[in-house]
């Protein structure tokens, strides 16, 4: 049956109206990020998938979907989208995409694979003379190796981070001290994980001296509680670990999970599960969460069986 010109015109108008009412891909991504912040990952993923259907070339949608899938534990699919994000990254955003892929592999404790993405970021930061960024990336790699049990590699990368920090021009004395504290913090954690509790305590004492020199700033106290809690936990002093970690930043999933681990080590499963659940409520796509979230999820799944 032939359609009259009026019918064709009306159909065209409906099509135009439908396109006008359809949300833009960037709006869908924005809505998805708001949903992630509310812990509604499934709903966020729906938004991101719709954005990609509308705009398969969208860097932001690919990156956001990869991140959300990682948080859901769907790592293989996450990496297909993160690979696309790296390929489509605009100028200035490539390091962000590479870092996200490194974090994705950290969720599965795959340090060698993660390094393939973190190291090019570090190299580029050095080439750009971004010593602060390079120091932070080197420290992230050091932490990756520490939490996956490769202590010599961890020490080497933390040393790289410390050297970069010292080379930053024009740092005031307080900032120089902060880089020294970061290095001491790392050395203490490496030592205690390597079974050298006495050596770890010596680094803690040096950390305290530098912290006193800086004036015991509030931010210093936060990382100090992290250090004391970490060293106490891996020295099997669980009461001290709980006392210190309870005063740390529990908005950090790593701290929340470690507190849960300390309670579990004492046999207090009720409190342990409380902090594991709290860990899963924190949806940052970050290296600390890459170590914390899978552990907390596994603990809660085991408890439910």
C-alpha atoms as a PDB file:
ATOM      1  CA  UNK A   1       0.000   0.000   0.000  1.00  0.00           C
ATOM      2  CA  UNK A   2       1.349   3.394  -0.978  1.00  0.00           C
ATOM      3  CA  UNK A   3       1.743   5.940   1.789  1.00  0.00           C
ATOM      4  CA  UNK A   4       0.321   9.396   1.135  1.00  0.00           C
ATOM      5  CA  UNK A   5       2.639  12.394   1.405  1.00  0.00           C
ATOM      6  CA  UNK A   6       0.793  13.403   4.582  1.00  0.00           C
ATOM      7  CA  UNK A   7       1.512  10.027   6.229  1.00  0.00           C
ATOM      8  CA  UNK A   8       5.172  10.199   5.188  1.00  0.00           C
ATOM      9  CA  UNK A   9       5.476  13.699   6.567  1.00  0.00           C
ATOM     10  CA  UNK A  10       3.838  12.682   9.852  1.00  0.00           C
ATOM     11  CA  UNK A  11       6.184   9.679  10.210  1.00  0.00           C
ATOM     12  CA  UNK A  12       9.175  11.928   9.596  1.00  0.00           C
ATOM     13  CA  UNK A  13       7.966  14.351  12.248  1.00  0.00           C
ATOM     14  CA  UNK A  14       7.581  11.501  14.742  1.00  0.00           C
ATOM     15  CA  UNK A  15      11.144  10.366  13.991  1.00  0.00           C
ATOM     16  CA  UNK A  16      12.498  13.856  14.539  1.00  0.00           C
ATOM     17  CA  UNK A  17      10.522  14.171  17.777  1.00  0.00           C
ATOM     18  CA  UNK A  18      11.812  10.819  19.021  1.00  0.00           C
ATOM     19  CA  UNK A  19      15.412  11.875  18.337  1.00  0.00           C
ATOM     20  CA  UNK A  20      14.814  15.167  20.096  1.00  0.00           C
ATOM     21  CA  UNK A  21      13.481  13.389  23.175  1.00  0.00           C
ATOM     22  CA  UNK A  22      16.285  10.803  23.299  1.00  0.00           C
ATOM     23  CA  UNK A  23      18.899  11.648  25.967  1.00  0.00           C
ATOM     24  CA  UNK A  24      22.323  12.602  24.684  1.00  0.00           C
ATOM     25  CA  UNK A  25      25.107  10.044  25.335  1.00  0.00           C
ATOM     26  CA  UNK A  26      26.962  12.490  27.576  1.00  0.00           C
ATOM     27  CA  UNK A  27      23.805  12.929  29.683  1.00  0.00           C
ATOM     28  CA  UNK A  28      23.463   9.165  30.035  1.00  0.00           C
ATOM     29  CA  UNK A  29      27.069   8.931  31.206  1.00  0.00           C
ATOM     30  CA  UNK A  30      26.462  11.713  33.716  1.00  0.00           C
ATOM     31  CA  UNK A  31      23.353   9.946  34.998  1.00  0.00           C
ATOM     32  CA  UNK A  32      25.277   6.674  35.233  1.00  0.00           C
ATOM     33  CA  UNK A  33      28.009   8.255  37.342  1.00  0.00           C
ATOM     34  CA  UNK A  34      25.393   9.638  39.709  1.00  0.00           C
ATOM     35  CA  UNK A  35      23.933   6.137  40.036  1.00  0.00           C
ATOM     36  CA  UNK A  36      27.379   4.669  40.788  1.00  0.00           C
ATOM     37  CA  UNK A  37      27.805   7.224  43.574  1.00  0.00           C
ATOM     38  CA  UNK A  38      24.513   5.934  45.014  1.00  0.00           C
ATOM     39  CA  UNK A  39      25.685   2.316  44.783  1.00  0.00           C
ATOM     40  CA  UNK A  40      23.254   1.490  41.942  1.00  0.00           C
ATOM     41  CA  UNK A  41      25.734  -0.234  39.681  1.00  0.00           C
ATOM     42  CA  UNK A  42      23.239  -2.321  37.692  1.00  0.00           C
ATOM     43  CA  UNK A  43      21.243   0.777  36.784  1.00  0.00           C
ATOM     44  CA  UNK A  44      24.394   2.690  35.910  1.00  0.00           C
ATOM     45  CA  UNK A  45      25.515  -0.074  33.558  1.00  0.00           C
ATOM     46  CA  UNK A  46      22.178   0.126  31.721  1.00  0.00           C
ATOM     47  CA  UNK A  47      22.755   3.858  31.191  1.00  0.00           C
ATOM     48  CA  UNK A  48      26.295   3.360  29.936  1.00  0.00           C
ATOM     49  CA  UNK A  49      25.261   0.617  27.512  1.00  0.00           C
ATOM     50  CA  UNK A  50      22.579   2.879  26.100  1.00  0.00           C
ATOM     51  CA  UNK A  51      25.143   5.662  25.683  1.00  0.00           C
ATOM     52  CA  UNK A  52      27.403   3.295  23.748  1.00  0.00           C
ATOM     53  CA  UNK A  53      24.533   2.189  21.499  1.00  0.00           C
ATOM     54  CA  UNK A  54      23.931   5.842  20.656  1.00  0.00           C
ATOM     55  CA  UNK A  55      27.627   6.696  20.348  1.00  0.00           C
ATOM     56  CA  UNK A  56      29.963   3.678  19.974  1.00  0.00           C
ATOM     57  CA  UNK A  57      32.909   6.077  19.638  1.00  0.00           C
ATOM     58  CA  UNK A  58      32.351   7.661  23.061  1.00  0.00           C
ATOM     59  CA  UNK A  59      35.491   7.558  25.200  1.00  0.00           C
ATOM     60  CA  UNK A  60      33.619   8.608  28.325  1.00  0.00           C
ATOM     61  CA  UNK A  61      30.959   5.915  27.935  1.00  0.00           C
ATOM     62  CA  UNK A  62      33.512   3.171  27.286  1.00  0.00           C
ATOM     63  CA  UNK A  63      35.631   4.213  30.261  1.00  0.00           C
ATOM     64  CA  UNK A  64      32.631   4.522  32.578  1.00  0.00           C
ATOM     65  CA  UNK A  65      31.215   1.137  31.569  1.00  0.00           C
ATOM     66  CA  UNK A  66      34.578  -0.562  32.037  1.00  0.00           C
ATOM     67  CA  UNK A  67      34.880   0.926  35.507  1.00  0.00           C
ATOM     68  CA  UNK A  68      31.355  -0.099  36.536  1.00  0.00           C
ATOM     69  CA  UNK A  69      31.859  -3.651  35.270  1.00  0.00           C
ATOM     70  CA  UNK A  70      35.091  -3.913  37.257  1.00  0.00           C
ATOM     71  CA  UNK A  71      33.208  -2.915  40.399  1.00  0.00           C
ATOM     72  CA  UNK A  72      30.700  -5.676  39.625  1.00  0.00           C
ATOM     73  CA  UNK A  73      33.511  -8.201  39.257  1.00  0.00           C
ATOM     74  CA  UNK A  74      32.960  -8.641  35.498  1.00  0.00           C
ATOM     75  CA  UNK A  75      36.613  -8.083  34.700  1.00  0.00           C
ATOM     76  CA  UNK A  76      36.911  -9.660  31.251  1.00  0.00           C
ATOM     77  CA  UNK A  77      34.049  -7.638  29.787  1.00  0.00           C
ATOM     78  CA  UNK A  78      35.287  -4.537  31.599  1.00  0.00           C
ATOM     79  CA  UNK A  79      38.603  -4.794  29.775  1.00  0.00           C
ATOM     80  CA  UNK A  80      36.972  -4.945  26.353  1.00  0.00           C
ATOM     81  CA  UNK A  81      35.538  -1.482  27.025  1.00  0.00           C
ATOM     82  CA  UNK A  82      38.685  -0.170  28.697  1.00  0.00           C
ATOM     83  CA  UNK A  83      40.651  -1.304  25.637  1.00  0.00           C
ATOM     84  CA  UNK A  84      38.290   0.752  23.494  1.00  0.00           C
ATOM     85  CA  UNK A  85      38.667   3.689  25.879  1.00  0.00           C
ATOM     86  CA  UNK A  86      42.449   3.561  25.502  1.00  0.00           C
ATOM     87  CA  UNK A  87      42.102   3.390  21.715  1.00  0.00           C
ATOM     88  CA  UNK A  88      39.684   6.327  21.607  1.00  0.00           C
ATOM     89  CA  UNK A  89      41.260   8.451  24.350  1.00  0.00           C
ATOM     90  CA  UNK A  90      41.479  12.145  23.418  1.00  0.00           C
ATOM     91  CA  UNK A  91      44.657  14.108  23.977  1.00  0.00           C
ATOM     92  CA  UNK A  92      45.372  14.329  27.666  1.00  0.00           C
ATOM     93  CA  UNK A  93      43.136  11.413  28.654  1.00  0.00           C
ATOM     94  CA  UNK A  94      45.257   8.444  27.598  1.00  0.00           C
ATOM     95  CA  UNK A  95      46.994   8.129  30.981  1.00  0.00           C
ATOM     96  CA  UNK A  96      43.597   8.071  32.679  1.00  0.00           C
ATOM     97  CA  UNK A  97      42.489   5.160  30.502  1.00  0.00           C
ATOM     98  CA  UNK A  98      45.781   3.286  30.933  1.00  0.00           C
ATOM     99  CA  UNK A  99      45.571   3.697  34.699  1.00  0.00           C
ATOM    100  CA  UNK A 100      42.006   2.370  34.711  1.00  0.00           C
ATOM    101  CA  UNK A 101      43.175  -0.733  32.848  1.00  0.00           C
ATOM    102  CA  UNK A 102      46.027  -1.218  35.316  1.00  0.00           C
ATOM    103  CA  UNK A 103      43.537  -1.029  38.174  1.00  0.00           C
ATOM    104  CA  UNK A 104      41.319  -3.550  36.380  1.00  0.00           C
ATOM    105  CA  UNK A 105      44.109  -6.132  36.453  1.00  0.00           C
ATOM    106  CA  UNK A 106      44.854  -5.239  40.091  1.00  0.00           C
ATOM    107  CA  UNK A 107      41.324  -6.389  40.994  1.00  0.00           C
ATOM    108  CA  UNK A 108      42.541  -9.891  40.125  1.00  0.00           C
ATOM    109  CA  UNK A 109      46.020  -9.364  41.654  1.00  0.00           C
ATOM    110  CA  UNK A 110      47.613  -9.701  38.211  1.00  0.00           C
ATOM    111  CA  UNK A 111      50.609  -7.459  38.857  1.00  0.00           C
ATOM    112  CA  UNK A 112      52.544  -8.327  35.700  1.00  0.00           C
ATOM    113  CA  UNK A 113      49.573  -7.473  33.483  1.00  0.00           C
ATOM    114  CA  UNK A 114      48.806  -4.315  35.454  1.00  0.00           C
ATOM    115  CA  UNK A 115      52.403  -3.124  35.057  1.00  0.00           C
ATOM    116  CA  UNK A 116      51.989  -3.136  31.255  1.00  0.00           C
ATOM    117  CA  UNK A 117      49.566  -0.229  31.701  1.00  0.00           C
ATOM    118  CA  UNK A 118      50.978   1.566  34.738  1.00  0.00           C
ATOM    119  CA  UNK A 119      54.572   1.683  33.480  1.00  0.00           C
ATOM    120  CA  UNK A 120      53.817   3.621  30.253  1.00  0.00           C
ATOM    121  CA  UNK A 121      52.038   6.223  32.405  1.00  0.00           C
ATOM    122  CA  UNK A 122      55.135   6.511  34.599  1.00  0.00           C
ATOM    123  CA  UNK A 123      57.410   6.774  31.560  1.00  0.00           C
ATOM    124  CA  UNK A 124      55.265   9.481  29.986  1.00  0.00           C
ATOM    125  CA  UNK A 125      55.150  11.448  33.227  1.00  0.00           C
ATOM    126  CA  UNK A 126      58.938  11.361  33.428  1.00  0.00           C
ATOM    127  CA  UNK A 127      59.182  12.521  29.810  1.00  0.00           C
ATOM    128  CA  UNK A 128      56.788  15.373  30.608  1.00  0.00           C
ATOM    129  CA  UNK A 129      58.835  16.294  33.691  1.00  0.00           C
ATOM    130  CA  UNK A 130      55.745  15.638  35.809  1.00  0.00           C
ATOM    131  CA  UNK A 131      57.768  14.378  38.745  1.00  0.00           C
ATOM    132  CA  UNK A 132      54.889  14.537  41.189  1.00  0.00           C
ATOM    133  CA  UNK A 133      52.749  12.396  38.906  1.00  0.00           C
ATOM    134  CA  UNK A 134      55.627   9.991  38.238  1.00  0.00           C
ATOM    135  CA  UNK A 135      56.269   9.637  41.966  1.00  0.00           C
ATOM    136  CA  UNK A 136      52.599   8.861  42.609  1.00  0.00           C
ATOM    137  CA  UNK A 137      52.518   6.273  39.805  1.00  0.00           C
ATOM    138  CA  UNK A 138      55.736   4.627  41.007  1.00  0.00           C
ATOM    139  CA  UNK A 139      54.274   4.418  44.515  1.00  0.00           C
ATOM    140  CA  UNK A 140      51.092   2.880  43.092  1.00  0.00           C
ATOM    141  CA  UNK A 141      53.178   0.214  41.351  1.00  0.00           C
ATOM    142  CA  UNK A 142      55.069  -0.349  44.597  1.00  0.00           C
ATOM    143  CA  UNK A 143      51.784  -0.870  46.396  1.00  0.00           C
ATOM    144  CA  UNK A 144      50.586  -3.228  43.678  1.00  0.00           C
ATOM    145  CA  UNK A 145      53.642  -5.430  44.171  1.00  0.00           C
ATOM    146  CA  UNK A 146      53.422  -5.210  47.964  1.00  0.00           C
ATOM    147  CA  UNK A 147      49.823  -6.404  48.069  1.00  0.00           C
ATOM    148  CA  UNK A 148      50.544  -9.204  45.601  1.00  0.00           C
ATOM    149  CA  UNK A 149      53.550 -10.493  47.556  1.00  0.00           C
ATOM    150  CA  UNK A 150      56.530  -9.375  45.458  1.00  0.00           C
ATOM    151  CA  UNK A 151      58.470  -7.454  48.107  1.00  0.00           C
ATOM    152  CA  UNK A 152      61.730  -6.826  46.174  1.00  0.00           C
ATOM    153  CA  UNK A 153      59.782  -5.289  43.266  1.00  0.00           C
ATOM    154  CA  UNK A 154      57.692  -3.301  45.712  1.00  0.00           C
ATOM    155  CA  UNK A 155      60.791  -1.867  47.369  1.00  0.00           C
ATOM    156  CA  UNK A 156      62.330  -0.962  43.993  1.00  0.00           C
ATOM    157  CA  UNK A 157      59.269   0.930  42.824  1.00  0.00           C
ATOM    158  CA  UNK A 158      58.766   2.733  46.111  1.00  0.00           C
ATOM    159  CA  UNK A 159      62.416   3.781  45.869  1.00  0.00           C
ATOM    160  CA  UNK A 160      61.687   5.141  42.375  1.00  0.00           C
ATOM    161  CA  UNK A 161      58.771   7.098  43.797  1.00  0.00           C
ATOM    162  CA  UNK A 162      60.875   8.500  46.616  1.00  0.00           C
ATOM    163  CA  UNK A 163      63.612   9.619  44.233  1.00  0.00           C
ATOM    164  CA  UNK A 164      61.091  11.364  41.971  1.00  0.00           C
ATOM    165  CA  UNK A 165      59.565  13.130  44.942  1.00  0.00           C
ATOM    166  CA  UNK A 166      62.949  14.444  46.076  1.00  0.00           C
ATOM    167  CA  UNK A 167      63.643  15.905  42.628  1.00  0.00           C
ATOM    168  CA  UNK A 168      60.553  18.114  42.500  1.00  0.00           C
ATOM    169  CA  UNK A 169      61.824  21.694  42.249  1.00  0.00           C
ATOM    170  CA  UNK A 170      60.805  24.337  44.727  1.00  0.00           C
ATOM    171  CA  UNK A 171      59.211  22.076  47.323  1.00  0.00           C
ATOM    172  CA  UNK A 172      58.897  23.725  50.735  1.00  0.00           C
ATOM    173  CA  UNK A 173      60.444  21.845  53.647  1.00  0.00           C
ATOM    174  CA  UNK A 174      57.066  20.520  54.824  1.00  0.00           C
ATOM    175  CA  UNK A 175      56.406  18.961  51.397  1.00  0.00           C
ATOM    176  CA  UNK A 176      59.884  17.433  51.304  1.00  0.00           C
ATOM    177  CA  UNK A 177      59.115  15.886  54.674  1.00  0.00           C
ATOM    178  CA  UNK A 178      55.844  14.514  53.313  1.00  0.00           C
ATOM    179  CA  UNK A 179      57.667  12.643  50.542  1.00  0.00           C
ATOM    180  CA  UNK A 180      60.063  11.244  53.143  1.00  0.00           C
ATOM    181  CA  UNK A 181      57.104  10.107  55.228  1.00  0.00           C
ATOM    182  CA  UNK A 182      55.575   8.353  52.239  1.00  0.00           C
ATOM    183  CA  UNK A 183      58.813   6.469  51.680  1.00  0.00           C
ATOM    184  CA  UNK A 184      59.130   5.485  55.370  1.00  0.00           C
ATOM    185  CA  UNK A 185      55.473   4.427  55.402  1.00  0.00           C
ATOM    186  CA  UNK A 186      56.119   2.103  52.477  1.00  0.00           C
ATOM    187  CA  UNK A 187      59.318   0.654  53.946  1.00  0.00           C
ATOM    188  CA  UNK A 188      57.529  -0.185  57.190  1.00  0.00           C
ATOM    189  CA  UNK A 189      54.732  -1.981  55.333  1.00  0.00           C
ATOM    190  CA  UNK A 190      57.167  -3.902  53.154  1.00  0.00           C
ATOM    191  CA  UNK A 191      59.223  -4.950  56.180  1.00  0.00           C
ATOM    192  CA  UNK A 192      56.256  -6.235  58.174  1.00  0.00           C
ATOM    193  CA  UNK A 193      54.883  -8.158  55.202  1.00  0.00           C
ATOM    194  CA  UNK A 194      58.345  -9.674  54.747  1.00  0.00           C
ATOM    195  CA  UNK A 195      58.239 -10.973  58.326  1.00  0.00           C
ATOM    196  CA  UNK A 196      60.539  -8.273  59.736  1.00  0.00           C
ATOM    197  CA  UNK A 197      58.406  -6.718  62.442  1.00  0.00           C
ATOM    198  CA  UNK A 198      61.331  -5.188  64.359  1.00  0.00           C
ATOM    199  CA  UNK A 199      62.575  -3.464  61.207  1.00  0.00           C
ATOM    200  CA  UNK A 200      59.044  -2.255  60.496  1.00  0.00           C
ATOM    201  CA  UNK A 201      58.830  -0.664  63.945  1.00  0.00           C
ATOM    202  CA  UNK A 202      62.097   1.183  63.336  1.00  0.00           C
ATOM    203  CA  UNK A 203      60.613   2.725  60.195  1.00  0.00           C
ATOM    204  CA  UNK A 204      57.484   3.628  62.164  1.00  0.00           C
ATOM    205  CA  UNK A 205      59.657   5.450  64.713  1.00  0.00           C
ATOM    206  CA  UNK A 206      61.384   7.399  61.929  1.00  0.00           C
ATOM    207  CA  UNK A 207      57.998   8.231  60.440  1.00  0.00           C
ATOM    208  CA  UNK A 208      56.885   9.601  63.805  1.00  0.00           C
ATOM    209  CA  UNK A 209      59.956  11.836  64.010  1.00  0.00           C
ATOM    210  CA  UNK A 210      59.249  13.388  60.614  1.00  0.00           C
ATOM    211  CA  UNK A 211      55.564  13.745  61.457  1.00  0.00           C
ATOM    212  CA  UNK A 212      56.512  15.662  64.625  1.00  0.00           C
ATOM    213  CA  UNK A 213      58.743  17.916  62.548  1.00  0.00           C
ATOM    214  CA  UNK A 214      55.802  18.728  60.264  1.00  0.00           C
ATOM    215  CA  UNK A 215      53.615  19.648  63.218  1.00  0.00           C
ATOM    216  CA  UNK A 216      51.323  16.568  63.375  1.00  0.00           C
ATOM    217  CA  UNK A 217      48.940  17.768  60.689  1.00  0.00           C
ATOM    218  CA  UNK A 218      45.486  16.190  60.462  1.00  0.00           C
ATOM    219  CA  UNK A 219      46.278  14.466  57.156  1.00  0.00           C
ATOM    220  CA  UNK A 220      49.494  13.096  58.651  1.00  0.00           C
ATOM    221  CA  UNK A 221      47.546  11.589  61.530  1.00  0.00           C
ATOM    222  CA  UNK A 222      45.245   9.801  59.069  1.00  0.00           C
ATOM    223  CA  UNK A 223      48.084   8.043  57.268  1.00  0.00           C
ATOM    224  CA  UNK A 224      49.771   7.417  60.626  1.00  0.00           C
ATOM    225  CA  UNK A 225      46.738   5.440  61.828  1.00  0.00           C
ATOM    226  CA  UNK A 226      46.828   3.496  58.566  1.00  0.00           C
ATOM    227  CA  UNK A 227      50.496   2.693  59.155  1.00  0.00           C
ATOM    228  CA  UNK A 228      50.032   1.639  62.782  1.00  0.00           C
ATOM    229  CA  UNK A 229      46.984  -0.450  61.928  1.00  0.00           C
ATOM    230  CA  UNK A 230      48.736  -2.148  59.019  1.00  0.00           C
ATOM    231  CA  UNK A 231      51.928  -2.948  60.942  1.00  0.00           C
ATOM    232  CA  UNK A 232      49.925  -4.150  63.952  1.00  0.00           C
ATOM    233  CA  UNK A 233      47.708  -6.411  61.830  1.00  0.00           C
ATOM    234  CA  UNK A 234      50.599  -8.109  60.060  1.00  0.00           C
ATOM    235  CA  UNK A 235      52.448  -8.401  63.401  1.00  0.00           C
ATOM    236  CA  UNK A 236      49.334 -10.246  64.657  1.00  0.00           C
ATOM    237  CA  UNK A 237      48.572  -7.589  67.273  1.00  0.00           C
ATOM    238  CA  UNK A 238      44.900  -7.523  66.332  1.00  0.00           C
ATOM    239  CA  UNK A 239      43.678  -5.477  69.297  1.00  0.00           C
ATOM    240  CA  UNK A 240      46.090  -2.662  68.423  1.00  0.00           C
ATOM    241  CA  UNK A 241      45.203  -2.974  64.736  1.00  0.00           C
ATOM    242  CA  UNK A 242      41.501  -2.556  65.514  1.00  0.00           C
ATOM    243  CA  UNK A 243      42.130   0.406  67.807  1.00  0.00           C
ATOM    244  CA  UNK A 244      44.240   2.228  65.209  1.00  0.00           C
ATOM    245  CA  UNK A 245      42.212   1.390  62.117  1.00  0.00           C
ATOM    246  CA  UNK A 246      39.019   2.536  63.811  1.00  0.00           C
ATOM    247  CA  UNK A 247      40.625   6.014  63.854  1.00  0.00           C
ATOM    248  CA  UNK A 248      41.781   5.812  60.223  1.00  0.00           C
ATOM    249  CA  UNK A 249      39.860   6.974  57.161  1.00  0.00           C
ATOM    250  CA  UNK A 250      37.111   4.365  56.864  1.00  0.00           C
ATOM    251  CA  UNK A 251      35.928   6.055  53.697  1.00  0.00           C
ATOM    252  CA  UNK A 252      38.943   4.284  52.206  1.00  0.00           C
ATOM    253  CA  UNK A 253      37.841   0.754  51.265  1.00  0.00           C
ATOM    254  CA  UNK A 254      41.296  -0.631  52.002  1.00  0.00           C
ATOM    255  CA  UNK A 255      41.068   0.608  55.598  1.00  0.00           C
ATOM    256  CA  UNK A 256      37.530  -0.671  56.036  1.00  0.00           C
ATOM    257  CA  UNK A 257      38.466  -4.093  54.672  1.00  0.00           C
ATOM    258  CA  UNK A 258      41.621  -4.312  56.788  1.00  0.00           C
ATOM    259  CA  UNK A 259      39.566  -3.506  59.882  1.00  0.00           C
ATOM    260  CA  UNK A 260      37.212  -6.318  58.910  1.00  0.00           C
ATOM    261  CA  UNK A 261      40.190  -8.646  58.548  1.00  0.00           C
ATOM    262  CA  UNK A 262      41.450  -7.663  62.007  1.00  0.00           C
ATOM    263  CA  UNK A 263      38.070  -8.406  63.569  1.00  0.00           C
ATOM    264  CA  UNK A 264      37.923 -11.738  61.749  1.00  0.00           C
ATOM    265  CA  UNK A 265      41.405 -12.650  62.994  1.00  0.00           C
ATOM    266  CA  UNK A 266      40.113 -12.109  66.537  1.00  0.00           C
ATOM    267  CA  UNK A 267      37.111 -14.326  65.830  1.00  0.00           C
ATOM    268  CA  UNK A 268      34.591 -11.444  65.884  1.00  0.00           C
ATOM    269  CA  UNK A 269      32.746 -12.364  62.699  1.00  0.00           C
ATOM    270  CA  UNK A 270      29.816 -10.044  63.308  1.00  0.00           C
ATOM    271  CA  UNK A 271      31.993  -6.931  63.267  1.00  0.00           C
ATOM    272  CA  UNK A 272      34.138  -8.360  60.477  1.00  0.00           C
ATOM    273  CA  UNK A 273      31.117  -8.734  58.199  1.00  0.00           C
ATOM    274  CA  UNK A 274      29.944  -5.237  59.075  1.00  0.00           C
ATOM    275  CA  UNK A 275      33.178  -3.795  57.714  1.00  0.00           C
ATOM    276  CA  UNK A 276      33.230  -6.109  54.706  1.00  0.00           C
ATOM    277  CA  UNK A 277      29.749  -4.864  53.816  1.00  0.00           C
ATOM    278  CA  UNK A 278      30.931  -1.312  54.325  1.00  0.00           C
ATOM    279  CA  UNK A 279      33.789  -1.980  51.923  1.00  0.00           C
ATOM    280  CA  UNK A 280      31.362  -3.086  49.220  1.00  0.00           C
ATOM    281  CA  UNK A 281      29.388   0.131  49.688  1.00  0.00           C
ATOM    282  CA  UNK A 282      32.442   2.137  48.548  1.00  0.00           C
ATOM    283  CA  UNK A 283      32.534   2.360  44.764  1.00  0.00           C
ATOM    284  CA  UNK A 284      35.800   4.073  43.918  1.00  0.00           C
ATOM    285  CA  UNK A 285      37.676   2.589  40.962  1.00  0.00           C
ATOM    286  CA  UNK A 286      41.013   2.831  42.717  1.00  0.00           C
ATOM    287  CA  UNK A 287      44.001   0.709  43.620  1.00  0.00           C
ATOM    288  CA  UNK A 288      42.980   0.494  47.310  1.00  0.00           C
ATOM    289  CA  UNK A 289      39.539  -0.769  46.274  1.00  0.00           C
ATOM    290  CA  UNK A 290      41.080  -3.194  43.788  1.00  0.00           C
ATOM    291  CA  UNK A 291      42.722  -4.969  46.740  1.00  0.00           C
ATOM    292  CA  UNK A 292      39.844  -4.569  49.182  1.00  0.00           C
ATOM    293  CA  UNK A 293      36.673  -5.197  47.211  1.00  0.00           C
ATOM    294  CA  UNK A 294      37.312  -8.733  45.899  1.00  0.00           C
ATOM    295  CA  UNK A 295      38.440  -9.866  49.354  1.00  0.00           C
ATOM    296  CA  UNK A 296      35.394  -8.404  51.070  1.00  0.00           C
ATOM    297  CA  UNK A 297      33.061  -9.893  48.453  1.00  0.00           C
ATOM    298  CA  UNK A 298      34.653 -13.332  48.813  1.00  0.00           C
ATOM    299  CA  UNK A 299      34.363 -13.197  52.608  1.00  0.00           C
ATOM    300  CA  UNK A 300      30.686 -12.272  52.493  1.00  0.00           C
ATOM    301  CA  UNK A 301      29.915 -14.890  49.859  1.00  0.00           C
ATOM    302  CA  UNK A 302      31.605 -17.563  51.948  1.00  0.00           C
ATOM    303  CA  UNK A 303      29.635 -16.447  55.009  1.00  0.00           C
ATOM    304  CA  UNK A 304      26.351 -16.792  53.129  1.00  0.00           C
ATOM    305  CA  UNK A 305      26.975 -20.406  52.066  1.00  0.00           C
END
